[in-house]
Amino acid sequence: MSSYFARGVALLMIILSTLIAACTERQVDDAMLTARIKARMTADGRVSPSRVDVDTLNGDVTLRGEVPTQEEKDAAVEVARKVEGVRNVSNQIIVNPAAAGTGIPSGVELKQQAEKAASDVGKGVKKGAEDAFLLGEIKARLAAAGYGAVTVGVEQGVVTLKGEVSNDKDRIAVEAITEKVKGVEKVDNQLVVKGQTPTPTPTRSPSPSPASQRRHPYAISHM
């Protein structure tokens, strides 16, 4: 009797061990499947792996998280379905434009950022070259007219003139020459006439209102 009992216990232990091993193997397979999906998303470039959560159970994959565009949501499903071992994909991803810029950028976002940065640098270099060319042109014209001592600064098409001139006529002439140069958008004339102190603009007091000028009918005049 005891031998039958022992055999039954041994058989039960074998069955339990087999089930535990099968469950453990299945869990390992699910974990590996999740890792492969994440890796494929990163390699694909259209999906940010940090914005999309992947859960796998017995080959059934659930996608969750928030992405900024419908294109990224669709791409996540497409990538997950192509991974070998995936039986089914449940797409619970939410499209939220505010998610843009969060988490690890997708390959597409990195490319867009790089293109924008290159474009901004290109524009800055181009504008700097234009300002340098404009500066040289203005200085050449002023020197030819006898105003080579005038200090000239150029930034994004705005020209600043500094220094001293003999009289107001020269001050106006320098500004006129500068304005005629192609590419000049604005001239800030800070030239000062020699020996002349800039006169501050007088501050005008507000005129009294008509109401304050009218005398009250019962007011008493003091002689």
C-alpha atoms as a PDB file:
ATOM      1  CA  MET A   1       0.000   0.000   0.000  1.00  0.00           C
ATOM      2  CA  SER A   2       2.808   2.335   0.934  1.00  0.00           C
ATOM      3  CA  SER A   3       4.565   1.591  -2.347  1.00  0.00           C
ATOM      4  CA  TYR A   4       1.469   2.663  -4.339  1.00  0.00           C
ATOM      5  CA  PHE A   5       1.300   5.868  -2.310  1.00  0.00           C
ATOM      6  CA  ALA A   6       4.957   6.607  -2.888  1.00  0.00           C
ATOM      7  CA  ARG A   7       4.536   6.036  -6.629  1.00  0.00           C
ATOM      8  CA  GLY A   8       1.542   8.391  -6.692  1.00  0.00           C
ATOM      9  CA  VAL A   9       3.453  11.113  -4.886  1.00  0.00           C
ATOM     10  CA  ALA A  10       6.400  10.698  -7.237  1.00  0.00           C
ATOM     11  CA  LEU A  11       4.127  10.907 -10.280  1.00  0.00           C
ATOM     12  CA  LEU A  12       2.444  14.038  -8.904  1.00  0.00           C
ATOM     13  CA  MET A  13       5.831  15.657  -8.297  1.00  0.00           C
ATOM     14  CA  ILE A  14       6.866  14.895 -11.882  1.00  0.00           C
ATOM     15  CA  ILE A  15       3.676  16.454 -13.232  1.00  0.00           C
ATOM     16  CA  LEU A  16       4.089  19.579 -11.073  1.00  0.00           C
ATOM     17  CA  SER A  17       7.722  19.916 -12.077  1.00  0.00           C
ATOM     18  CA  THR A  18       6.768  19.652 -15.751  1.00  0.00           C
ATOM     19  CA  LEU A  19       4.044  22.305 -15.366  1.00  0.00           C
ATOM     20  CA  ILE A  20       6.373  24.673 -13.483  1.00  0.00           C
ATOM     21  CA  ALA A  21       9.063  24.234 -16.120  1.00  0.00           C
ATOM     22  CA  ALA A  22       6.537  24.886 -18.880  1.00  0.00           C
ATOM     23  CA  CYS A  23       5.264  28.045 -17.149  1.00  0.00           C
ATOM     24  CA  THR A  24       8.800  29.278 -16.540  1.00  0.00           C
ATOM     25  CA  GLU A  25       9.712  28.614 -20.155  1.00  0.00           C
ATOM     26  CA  ARG A  26       6.606  30.461 -21.317  1.00  0.00           C
ATOM     27  CA  GLN A  27       7.461  33.453 -19.103  1.00  0.00           C
ATOM     28  CA  VAL A  28      10.978  33.511 -20.494  1.00  0.00           C
ATOM     29  CA  ASP A  29       9.603  33.359 -24.039  1.00  0.00           C
ATOM     30  CA  ASP A  30       7.223  36.252 -23.313  1.00  0.00           C
ATOM     31  CA  ALA A  31      10.023  38.341 -21.829  1.00  0.00           C
ATOM     32  CA  MET A  32      12.232  37.648 -24.837  1.00  0.00           C
ATOM     33  CA  LEU A  33       9.346  38.498 -27.159  1.00  0.00           C
ATOM     34  CA  THR A  34       8.837  41.839 -25.387  1.00  0.00           C
ATOM     35  CA  ALA A  35      12.555  42.602 -25.676  1.00  0.00           C
ATOM     36  CA  ARG A  36      12.564  41.753 -29.383  1.00  0.00           C
ATOM     37  CA  ILE A  37       9.568  44.024 -30.036  1.00  0.00           C
ATOM     38  CA  LYS A  38      11.242  46.911 -28.204  1.00  0.00           C
ATOM     39  CA  ALA A  39      14.455  46.359 -30.156  1.00  0.00           C
ATOM     40  CA  ARG A  40      12.561  46.294 -33.460  1.00  0.00           C
ATOM     41  CA  MET A  41      10.772  49.547 -32.562  1.00  0.00           C
ATOM     42  CA  THR A  42      14.100  51.229 -31.898  1.00  0.00           C
ATOM     43  CA  ALA A  43      15.597  49.924 -35.134  1.00  0.00           C
ATOM     44  CA  ASP A  44      12.516  50.869 -37.165  1.00  0.00           C
ATOM     45  CA  GLY A  45      12.949  54.557 -36.309  1.00  0.00           C
ATOM     46  CA  ARG A  46       9.268  55.503 -36.432  1.00  0.00           C
ATOM     47  CA  VAL A  47       8.465  54.622 -32.818  1.00  0.00           C
ATOM     48  CA  SER A  48       9.883  55.900 -29.540  1.00  0.00           C
ATOM     49  CA  PRO A  49      10.438  52.763 -27.395  1.00  0.00           C
ATOM     50  CA  SER A  50      10.154  54.839 -24.215  1.00  0.00           C
ATOM     51  CA  ARG A  51       6.686  56.164 -25.123  1.00  0.00           C
ATOM     52  CA  VAL A  52       5.218  52.731 -25.918  1.00  0.00           C
ATOM     53  CA  ASP A  53       4.859  50.058 -23.238  1.00  0.00           C
ATOM     54  CA  VAL A  54       4.848  46.429 -24.374  1.00  0.00           C
ATOM     55  CA  ASP A  55       3.278  43.619 -22.324  1.00  0.00           C
ATOM     56  CA  THR A  56       3.350  40.012 -23.553  1.00  0.00           C
ATOM     57  CA  LEU A  57       1.388  37.046 -22.196  1.00  0.00           C
ATOM     58  CA  ASN A  58       1.482  33.693 -23.983  1.00  0.00           C
ATOM     59  CA  GLY A  59       2.372  35.441 -27.221  1.00  0.00           C
ATOM     60  CA  ASP A  60      -0.451  37.978 -26.966  1.00  0.00           C
ATOM     61  CA  VAL A  61       0.989  41.496 -27.039  1.00  0.00           C
ATOM     62  CA  THR A  62      -0.617  44.606 -25.545  1.00  0.00           C
ATOM     63  CA  LEU A  63       0.677  48.052 -26.502  1.00  0.00           C
ATOM     64  CA  ARG A  64       0.026  51.018 -24.205  1.00  0.00           C
ATOM     65  CA  GLY A  65       1.251  54.590 -23.841  1.00  0.00           C
ATOM     66  CA  GLU A  66       0.886  57.981 -25.516  1.00  0.00           C
ATOM     67  CA  VAL A  67       2.360  59.029 -28.841  1.00  0.00           C
ATOM     68  CA  PRO A  68       2.081  62.398 -30.629  1.00  0.00           C
ATOM     69  CA  THR A  69       0.835  61.121 -33.998  1.00  0.00           C
ATOM     70  CA  GLN A  70      -1.406  58.475 -35.537  1.00  0.00           C
ATOM     71  CA  GLU A  71       1.527  57.473 -37.762  1.00  0.00           C
ATOM     72  CA  GLU A  72       3.603  56.472 -34.727  1.00  0.00           C
ATOM     73  CA  LYS A  73       0.684  54.503 -33.262  1.00  0.00           C
ATOM     74  CA  ASP A  74       0.165  52.597 -36.519  1.00  0.00           C
ATOM     75  CA  ALA A  75       3.893  51.973 -36.849  1.00  0.00           C
ATOM     76  CA  ALA A  76       4.050  50.457 -33.342  1.00  0.00           C
ATOM     77  CA  VAL A  77       1.360  47.914 -34.238  1.00  0.00           C
ATOM     78  CA  GLU A  78       2.985  47.152 -37.583  1.00  0.00           C
ATOM     79  CA  VAL A  79       6.369  46.500 -35.981  1.00  0.00           C
ATOM     80  CA  ALA A  80       4.937  44.303 -33.203  1.00  0.00           C
ATOM     81  CA  ARG A  81       2.950  42.105 -35.620  1.00  0.00           C
ATOM     82  CA  LYS A  82       6.029  41.354 -37.711  1.00  0.00           C
ATOM     83  CA  VAL A  83       7.983  39.903 -34.767  1.00  0.00           C
ATOM     84  CA  GLU A  84       8.114  36.108 -34.909  1.00  0.00           C
ATOM     85  CA  GLY A  85       6.177  34.455 -32.077  1.00  0.00           C
ATOM     86  CA  VAL A  86       3.555  37.186 -31.700  1.00  0.00           C
ATOM     87  CA  ARG A  87       0.067  35.694 -31.862  1.00  0.00           C
ATOM     88  CA  ASN A  88      -2.071  38.785 -31.430  1.00  0.00           C
ATOM     89  CA  VAL A  89      -1.596  42.540 -30.860  1.00  0.00           C
ATOM     90  CA  SER A  90      -3.965  44.675 -28.781  1.00  0.00           C
ATOM     91  CA  ASN A  91      -3.364  48.333 -29.578  1.00  0.00           C
ATOM     92  CA  GLN A  92      -4.306  50.539 -26.609  1.00  0.00           C
ATOM     93  CA  ILE A  93      -1.975  53.402 -27.505  1.00  0.00           C
ATOM     94  CA  ILE A  94      -3.465  56.911 -27.181  1.00  0.00           C
ATOM     95  CA  VAL A  95      -2.640  59.681 -29.658  1.00  0.00           C
ATOM     96  CA  ASN A  96      -1.784  62.861 -27.747  1.00  0.00           C
ATOM     97  CA  PRO A  97       0.051  65.701 -29.561  1.00  0.00           C
ATOM     98  CA  ALA A  98       1.379  66.902 -26.186  1.00  0.00           C
ATOM     99  CA  ALA A  99       3.523  63.753 -26.052  1.00  0.00           C
ATOM    100  CA  ALA A 100       5.807  65.199 -28.732  1.00  0.00           C
ATOM    101  CA  GLY A 101       9.299  65.714 -27.363  1.00  0.00           C
ATOM    102  CA  THR A 102       8.801  63.383 -24.380  1.00  0.00           C
ATOM    103  CA  GLY A 103      10.859  60.292 -23.728  1.00  0.00           C
ATOM    104  CA  ILE A 104      13.538  59.067 -26.111  1.00  0.00           C
ATOM    105  CA  PRO A 105      12.999  60.640 -29.561  1.00  0.00           C
ATOM    106  CA  SER A 106      12.183  58.292 -32.408  1.00  0.00           C
ATOM    107  CA  GLY A 107      14.546  58.014 -35.356  1.00  0.00           C
ATOM    108  CA  VAL A 108      12.199  60.175 -37.405  1.00  0.00           C
ATOM    109  CA  GLU A 109      12.217  62.898 -34.720  1.00  0.00           C
ATOM    110  CA  LEU A 110      16.012  62.797 -34.467  1.00  0.00           C
ATOM    111  CA  LYS A 111      16.263  63.222 -38.228  1.00  0.00           C
ATOM    112  CA  GLN A 112      13.838  66.160 -38.176  1.00  0.00           C
ATOM    113  CA  GLN A 113      15.754  67.797 -35.317  1.00  0.00           C
ATOM    114  CA  ALA A 114      19.049  67.353 -37.170  1.00  0.00           C
ATOM    115  CA  GLU A 115      17.606  68.827 -40.367  1.00  0.00           C
ATOM    116  CA  LYS A 116      16.205  71.827 -38.474  1.00  0.00           C
ATOM    117  CA  ALA A 117      19.504  72.415 -36.678  1.00  0.00           C
ATOM    118  CA  ALA A 118      21.399  72.252 -39.975  1.00  0.00           C
ATOM    119  CA  SER A 119      18.911  74.644 -41.549  1.00  0.00           C
ATOM    120  CA  ASP A 120      19.225  77.107 -38.644  1.00  0.00           C
ATOM    121  CA  VAL A 121      23.017  76.976 -38.832  1.00  0.00           C
ATOM    122  CA  GLY A 122      22.864  77.511 -42.581  1.00  0.00           C
ATOM    123  CA  LYS A 123      20.598  80.519 -42.188  1.00  0.00           C
ATOM    124  CA  GLY A 124      22.857  81.975 -39.491  1.00  0.00           C
ATOM    125  CA  VAL A 125      25.962  81.531 -41.640  1.00  0.00           C
ATOM    126  CA  LYS A 126      24.211  83.034 -44.650  1.00  0.00           C
ATOM    127  CA  LYS A 127      22.977  86.029 -42.640  1.00  0.00           C
ATOM    128  CA  GLY A 128      26.401  86.552 -41.129  1.00  0.00           C
ATOM    129  CA  ALA A 129      27.980  86.528 -44.591  1.00  0.00           C
ATOM    130  CA  GLU A 130      25.391  89.021 -45.838  1.00  0.00           C
ATOM    131  CA  ASP A 131      26.101  91.360 -42.892  1.00  0.00           C
ATOM    132  CA  ALA A 132      29.851  91.123 -43.512  1.00  0.00           C
ATOM    133  CA  PHE A 133      29.386  91.928 -47.198  1.00  0.00           C
ATOM    134  CA  LEU A 134      27.084  94.829 -46.308  1.00  0.00           C
ATOM    135  CA  LEU A 135      29.612  96.181 -43.808  1.00  0.00           C
ATOM    136  CA  GLY A 136      32.372  96.153 -46.416  1.00  0.00           C
ATOM    137  CA  GLU A 137      30.177  97.876 -49.001  1.00  0.00           C
ATOM    138  CA  ILE A 138      29.122 100.651 -46.584  1.00  0.00           C
ATOM    139  CA  LYS A 139      32.663 101.266 -45.367  1.00  0.00           C
ATOM    140  CA  ALA A 140      33.940 101.473 -48.942  1.00  0.00           C
ATOM    141  CA  ARG A 141      31.314 104.037 -49.937  1.00  0.00           C
ATOM    142  CA  LEU A 142      31.836 106.150 -46.822  1.00  0.00           C
ATOM    143  CA  ALA A 143      35.610 106.101 -47.288  1.00  0.00           C
ATOM    144  CA  ALA A 144      35.201 107.195 -50.920  1.00  0.00           C
ATOM    145  CA  ALA A 145      33.076 110.123 -49.735  1.00  0.00           C
ATOM    146  CA  GLY A 146      35.630 111.147 -47.105  1.00  0.00           C
ATOM    147  CA  TYR A 147      33.891 109.609 -44.084  1.00  0.00           C
ATOM    148  CA  GLY A 148      36.274 106.715 -43.462  1.00  0.00           C
ATOM    149  CA  ALA A 149      36.565 107.554 -39.738  1.00  0.00           C
ATOM    150  CA  VAL A 150      32.915 106.676 -39.084  1.00  0.00           C
ATOM    151  CA  THR A 151      32.427 103.465 -37.103  1.00  0.00           C
ATOM    152  CA  VAL A 152      29.937 101.107 -38.751  1.00  0.00           C
ATOM    153  CA  GLY A 153      28.186  98.084 -37.252  1.00  0.00           C
ATOM    154  CA  VAL A 154      25.806  95.727 -39.057  1.00  0.00           C
ATOM    155  CA  GLU A 155      23.496  93.124 -37.536  1.00  0.00           C
ATOM    156  CA  GLN A 156      20.772  91.433 -39.567  1.00  0.00           C
ATOM    157  CA  GLY A 157      20.588  94.359 -41.980  1.00  0.00           C
ATOM    158  CA  VAL A 158      20.393  97.029 -39.253  1.00  0.00           C
ATOM    159  CA  VAL A 159      23.285  99.513 -39.537  1.00  0.00           C
ATOM    160  CA  THR A 160      24.606 101.505 -36.572  1.00  0.00           C
ATOM    161  CA  LEU A 161      26.717 104.602 -37.231  1.00  0.00           C
ATOM    162  CA  LYS A 162      28.987 105.952 -34.487  1.00  0.00           C
ATOM    163  CA  GLY A 163      31.702 108.560 -34.182  1.00  0.00           C
ATOM    164  CA  GLU A 164      32.134 112.299 -34.690  1.00  0.00           C
ATOM    165  CA  VAL A 165      31.553 114.489 -37.745  1.00  0.00           C
ATOM    166  CA  SER A 166      32.285 118.153 -38.394  1.00  0.00           C
ATOM    167  CA  ASN A 167      28.696 119.353 -38.747  1.00  0.00           C
ATOM    168  CA  ASP A 168      25.060 118.349 -39.148  1.00  0.00           C
ATOM    169  CA  LYS A 169      25.434 118.345 -42.919  1.00  0.00           C
ATOM    170  CA  ASP A 170      28.037 115.587 -42.688  1.00  0.00           C
ATOM    171  CA  ARG A 171      25.907 113.689 -40.202  1.00  0.00           C
ATOM    172  CA  ILE A 172      22.969 113.690 -42.613  1.00  0.00           C
ATOM    173  CA  ALA A 173      25.211 112.869 -45.586  1.00  0.00           C
ATOM    174  CA  VAL A 174      26.673 109.771 -43.900  1.00  0.00           C
ATOM    175  CA  GLU A 175      23.195 108.474 -43.131  1.00  0.00           C
ATOM    176  CA  ALA A 176      22.015 109.162 -46.694  1.00  0.00           C
ATOM    177  CA  ILE A 177      24.972 107.273 -48.200  1.00  0.00           C
ATOM    178  CA  THR A 178      24.334 104.323 -45.900  1.00  0.00           C
ATOM    179  CA  GLU A 179      20.618 104.133 -46.681  1.00  0.00           C
ATOM    180  CA  LYS A 180      21.320 103.857 -50.402  1.00  0.00           C
ATOM    181  CA  VAL A 181      23.314 100.642 -50.015  1.00  0.00           C
ATOM    182  CA  LYS A 182      21.278  97.628 -51.143  1.00  0.00           C
ATOM    183  CA  GLY A 183      20.427  95.320 -48.256  1.00  0.00           C
ATOM    184  CA  VAL A 184      20.258  97.996 -45.552  1.00  0.00           C
ATOM    185  CA  GLU A 185      16.960  97.634 -43.704  1.00  0.00           C
ATOM    186  CA  LYS A 186      17.399 100.352 -41.084  1.00  0.00           C
ATOM    187  CA  VAL A 187      19.962 102.970 -40.035  1.00  0.00           C
ATOM    188  CA  ASP A 188      20.596 103.887 -36.403  1.00  0.00           C
ATOM    189  CA  ASN A 189      22.474 107.192 -36.668  1.00  0.00           C
ATOM    190  CA  GLN A 190      24.392 107.808 -33.435  1.00  0.00           C
ATOM    191  CA  LEU A 191      26.898 110.250 -34.970  1.00  0.00           C
ATOM    192  CA  VAL A 192      27.773 113.299 -32.890  1.00  0.00           C
ATOM    193  CA  VAL A 193      28.846 116.721 -34.202  1.00  0.00           C
ATOM    194  CA  LYS A 194      32.272 117.700 -32.827  1.00  0.00           C
ATOM    195  CA  GLY A 195      32.137 120.116 -29.924  1.00  0.00           C
ATOM    196  CA  GLN A 196      28.376 119.870 -29.733  1.00  0.00           C
ATOM    197  CA  THR A 197      26.735 118.469 -26.635  1.00  0.00           C
ATOM    198  CA  PRO A 198      23.566 116.526 -27.410  1.00  0.00           C
ATOM    199  CA  THR A 199      20.574 118.554 -26.302  1.00  0.00           C
ATOM    200  CA  PRO A 200      18.133 116.521 -24.221  1.00  0.00           C
ATOM    201  CA  THR A 201      14.595 116.481 -25.454  1.00  0.00           C
ATOM    202  CA  PRO A 202      12.556 118.844 -23.231  1.00  0.00           C
ATOM    203  CA  THR A 203       9.789 117.262 -21.225  1.00  0.00           C
ATOM    204  CA  ARG A 204       6.474 118.964 -21.759  1.00  0.00           C
ATOM    205  CA  SER A 205       4.170 119.344 -18.804  1.00  0.00           C
ATOM    206  CA  PRO A 206       0.625 118.251 -19.433  1.00  0.00           C
ATOM    207  CA  SER A 207      -1.761 121.148 -20.176  1.00  0.00           C
ATOM    208  CA  PRO A 208      -4.336 121.795 -17.464  1.00  0.00           C
ATOM    209  CA  SER A 209      -7.705 120.382 -18.301  1.00  0.00           C
ATOM    210  CA  PRO A 210     -10.630 122.778 -19.021  1.00  0.00           C
ATOM    211  CA  ALA A 211     -12.325 121.539 -15.884  1.00  0.00           C
ATOM    212  CA  SER A 212      -9.427 122.621 -13.683  1.00  0.00           C
ATOM    213  CA  GLN A 213      -9.406 126.063 -15.316  1.00  0.00           C
ATOM    214  CA  ARG A 214     -13.037 126.755 -14.527  1.00  0.00           C
ATOM    215  CA  ARG A 215     -13.531 128.636 -11.275  1.00  0.00           C
ATOM    216  CA  HIS A 216     -15.972 127.232  -8.820  1.00  0.00           C
ATOM    217  CA  PRO A 217     -19.002 129.603  -8.534  1.00  0.00           C
ATOM    218  CA  TYR A 218     -18.500 129.865  -4.770  1.00  0.00           C
ATOM    219  CA  ALA A 219     -14.727 130.235  -4.838  1.00  0.00           C
ATOM    220  CA  ILE A 220     -13.327 133.228  -2.906  1.00  0.00           C
ATOM    221  CA  SER A 221     -10.558 135.298  -4.474  1.00  0.00           C
ATOM    222  CA  HIS A 222      -7.821 136.440  -2.140  1.00  0.00           C
ATOM    223  CA  MET A 223      -6.479 139.803  -3.128  1.00  0.00           C
END
